[in-house]
Amino acid sequence: MAGTSHADIAAYVLGVLDQPDHVAFEAHLMECERCQDELLELQDVPCLLDEVKQSWPTTPKAPAPRSPDDWTPETSGHVSLF
């Protein structure tokens, strides 16, 4: 990381910063009231994501494969501008 950024708060909360970035962000956090406030607002996000993950279906169902004969502009998922 080139430098500590206020944007690093989400990565810090989610625990995805590598060790040097984690240490640098914690040093920044000690002096930055803005990031301290955001940390208080975001501290529950990892637990909420775990709850969502646990309640999610174990295996999402993939759509049934379609044959090329079934293709139409309406079923392709693409919008034509012309």
Protein backbone atom coordinates (compact mmCIF):
# COMPACT_ATOMS: atom_id res chain seq x y z
CA MET A 1 0.00 0.00 0.00
CA ALA A 2 1.44 3.38 -0.95
CA GLY A 3 -0.06 5.10 2.09
CA THR A 4 -2.82 4.76 4.59
CA SER A 5 -6.19 5.91 3.32
CA HIS A 6 -9.53 6.55 4.94
CA ALA A 7 -10.90 4.08 2.38
CA ASP A 8 -8.93 1.29 4.10
CA ILE A 9 -11.46 1.19 6.96
CA ALA A 10 -13.68 -1.38 5.20
CA ALA A 11 -10.71 -3.65 4.46
CA TYR A 12 -9.58 -3.26 8.07
CA VAL A 13 -13.03 -4.14 9.44
CA LEU A 14 -13.24 -7.18 7.17
CA GLY A 15 -9.74 -8.28 8.14
CA VAL A 16 -8.35 -8.39 4.62
CA LEU A 17 -5.36 -6.06 5.01
CA ASP A 18 -1.98 -7.74 4.94
CA GLN A 19 0.16 -7.41 8.08
CA PRO A 20 2.11 -4.25 7.10
CA ASP A 21 -1.07 -2.50 5.92
CA HIS A 22 -2.91 -3.59 9.05
CA VAL A 23 -0.20 -2.13 11.29
CA ALA A 24 -0.08 1.09 9.25
CA PHE A 25 -3.85 1.48 9.36
CA GLU A 26 -3.98 0.92 13.13
CA ALA A 27 -1.39 3.70 13.55
CA HIS A 28 -3.58 5.94 11.36
CA LEU A 29 -6.66 4.91 13.32
CA MET A 30 -5.12 6.08 16.60
CA GLU A 31 -5.03 9.66 15.28
CA CYS A 32 -8.01 9.84 12.89
CA GLU A 33 -11.37 10.63 14.49
CA ARG A 34 -13.12 10.16 11.15
CA CYS A 35 -11.92 6.56 10.87
CA GLN A 36 -12.65 5.92 14.56
CA ASP A 37 -16.26 7.02 13.97
CA GLU A 38 -16.53 4.86 10.86
CA LEU A 39 -15.08 1.89 12.75
CA LEU A 40 -17.85 2.22 15.33
CA GLU A 41 -20.44 2.30 12.53
CA LEU A 42 -18.96 -0.69 10.67
CA GLN A 43 -17.87 -2.93 13.55
CA ASP A 44 -20.94 -5.19 13.23
CA VAL A 45 -20.57 -5.76 9.47
CA PRO A 46 -18.45 -8.94 9.70
CA CYS A 47 -21.00 -10.57 12.05
CA LEU A 48 -23.88 -9.53 9.78
CA LEU A 49 -22.09 -10.98 6.76
CA ASP A 50 -21.52 -14.24 8.65
CA GLU A 51 -25.25 -14.40 9.47
CA VAL A 52 -26.15 -13.88 5.82
CA LYS A 53 -23.61 -16.49 4.77
CA GLN A 54 -25.05 -19.04 7.23
CA SER A 55 -28.61 -18.45 6.06
CA TRP A 56 -27.70 -18.61 2.36
CA PRO A 57 -28.55 -21.81 0.48
CA THR A 58 -25.64 -24.21 0.54
CA THR A 59 -25.55 -24.63 -3.22
CA PRO A 60 -27.03 -21.95 -5.42
CA LYS A 61 -28.96 -23.39 -8.31
CA ALA A 62 -27.46 -22.63 -11.69
CA PRO A 63 -29.82 -21.79 -14.52
CA ALA A 64 -30.53 -24.64 -16.90
CA PRO A 65 -28.31 -24.53 -19.98
CA ARG A 66 -29.99 -23.24 -23.12
CA SER A 67 -29.35 -24.41 -26.60
CA PRO A 68 -28.26 -21.90 -29.26
CA ASP A 69 -31.67 -22.43 -30.89
CA ASP A 70 -33.31 -20.80 -27.85
CA TRP A 71 -31.33 -17.57 -28.20
CA THR A 72 -33.19 -14.36 -28.93
CA PRO A 73 -32.19 -10.76 -28.17
CA GLU A 74 -34.81 -10.75 -25.41
CA THR A 75 -33.35 -13.83 -23.67
CA SER A 76 -29.68 -12.92 -24.11
CA GLY A 77 -29.63 -10.46 -21.25
CA HIS A 78 -28.18 -7.82 -23.54
CA VAL A 79 -29.96 -4.70 -24.66
CA SER A 80 -29.57 -3.52 -28.20
CA LEU A 81 -29.18 0.21 -28.63
CA PHE A 82 -29.99 0.04 -32.33
